[in-house]
Amino acid sequence: EAKHEEKADDHFLSRQFSRKYTLPEGCEAHKVQSNLSADGVLLITAPKKPSLKQVESTAIPVTYQK
């Protein structure tokens, strides 16, 4: 949602914009970021959740016996 207001001596201008998007499955919703450029381009980024393989991997030390 974006809102813009301008006040002048003889008038008041108010603009408001709202739009909803559905996030794809597998993204971290609490880490979503948005950026609106000066020329009006909206960029929304949402990082992917780590895959189960990354979460389950464990380093196992290897010992060497002579």
Protein backbone atom coordinates (compact mmCIF):
# COMPACT_ATOMS: atom_id res chain seq x y z
CA GLU A 1 0.00 0.00 0.00
CA ALA A 2 1.26 3.47 -0.86
CA LYS A 3 -0.13 6.87 0.03
CA HIS A 4 0.82 10.35 -1.17
CA GLU A 5 -0.59 13.69 0.00
CA GLU A 6 0.10 17.24 -1.11
CA LYS A 7 -1.21 20.40 0.50
CA ALA A 8 -1.22 23.82 -1.11
CA ASP A 9 -2.85 27.13 -0.26
CA ASP A 10 -6.04 26.50 -2.20
CA HIS A 11 -6.20 22.70 -2.62
CA PHE A 12 -5.39 19.29 -1.16
CA LEU A 13 -4.32 16.27 -3.23
CA SER A 14 -4.38 12.70 -1.92
CA ARG A 15 -3.49 9.50 -3.79
CA GLN A 16 -3.61 5.97 -2.47
CA PHE A 17 -2.74 2.65 -4.10
CA SER A 18 -3.24 -0.88 -2.79
CA ARG A 19 -2.63 -4.24 -4.46
CA LYS A 20 -2.37 -7.81 -3.17
CA TYR A 21 -0.09 -10.55 -4.48
CA THR A 22 -0.04 -14.26 -3.70
CA LEU A 23 3.38 -15.47 -2.63
CA PRO A 24 4.66 -18.68 -4.17
CA GLU A 25 4.94 -21.77 -1.99
CA GLY A 26 8.32 -22.34 -0.43
CA CYS A 27 9.21 -18.72 0.30
CA GLU A 28 9.86 -17.15 3.68
CA ALA A 29 6.94 -14.72 4.01
CA HIS A 30 8.39 -12.93 7.05
CA LYS A 31 11.47 -11.95 4.98
CA VAL A 32 9.62 -10.38 2.02
CA GLN A 33 10.99 -7.00 0.93
CA SER A 34 9.60 -4.47 -1.54
CA ASN A 35 11.13 -1.45 -3.21
CA LEU A 36 9.39 1.20 -5.33
CA SER A 37 11.75 3.03 -7.70
CA ALA A 38 11.44 6.70 -8.62
CA ASP A 39 10.02 5.72 -12.03
CA GLY A 40 7.28 3.55 -10.47
CA VAL A 41 8.74 0.04 -10.80
CA LEU A 42 7.84 -2.16 -7.83
CA LEU A 43 10.35 -4.92 -7.02
CA ILE A 44 9.27 -7.61 -4.56
CA THR A 45 11.79 -10.18 -3.31
CA ALA A 46 11.10 -13.23 -1.16
CA PRO A 47 13.88 -15.68 -0.30
CA LYS A 48 13.24 -19.40 -0.65
CA LYS A 49 13.07 -21.62 2.41
CA PRO A 50 16.09 -23.92 2.72
CA SER A 51 15.51 -27.34 1.21
CA LEU A 52 15.17 -30.31 3.54
CA LYS A 53 18.47 -31.71 2.28
CA GLN A 54 20.28 -28.59 3.49
CA VAL A 55 18.62 -28.73 6.91
CA GLU A 56 19.23 -32.46 7.44
CA SER A 57 22.89 -32.52 6.39
CA THR A 58 25.34 -33.23 9.20
CA ALA A 59 29.13 -33.19 9.19
CA ILE A 60 30.56 -36.50 10.36
CA PRO A 61 34.22 -36.50 11.43
CA VAL A 62 36.36 -39.23 9.90
CA THR A 63 39.27 -40.66 11.85
CA TYR A 64 42.23 -42.38 10.26
CA GLN A 65 43.97 -45.31 11.94
CA LYS A 66 47.42 -46.51 10.85
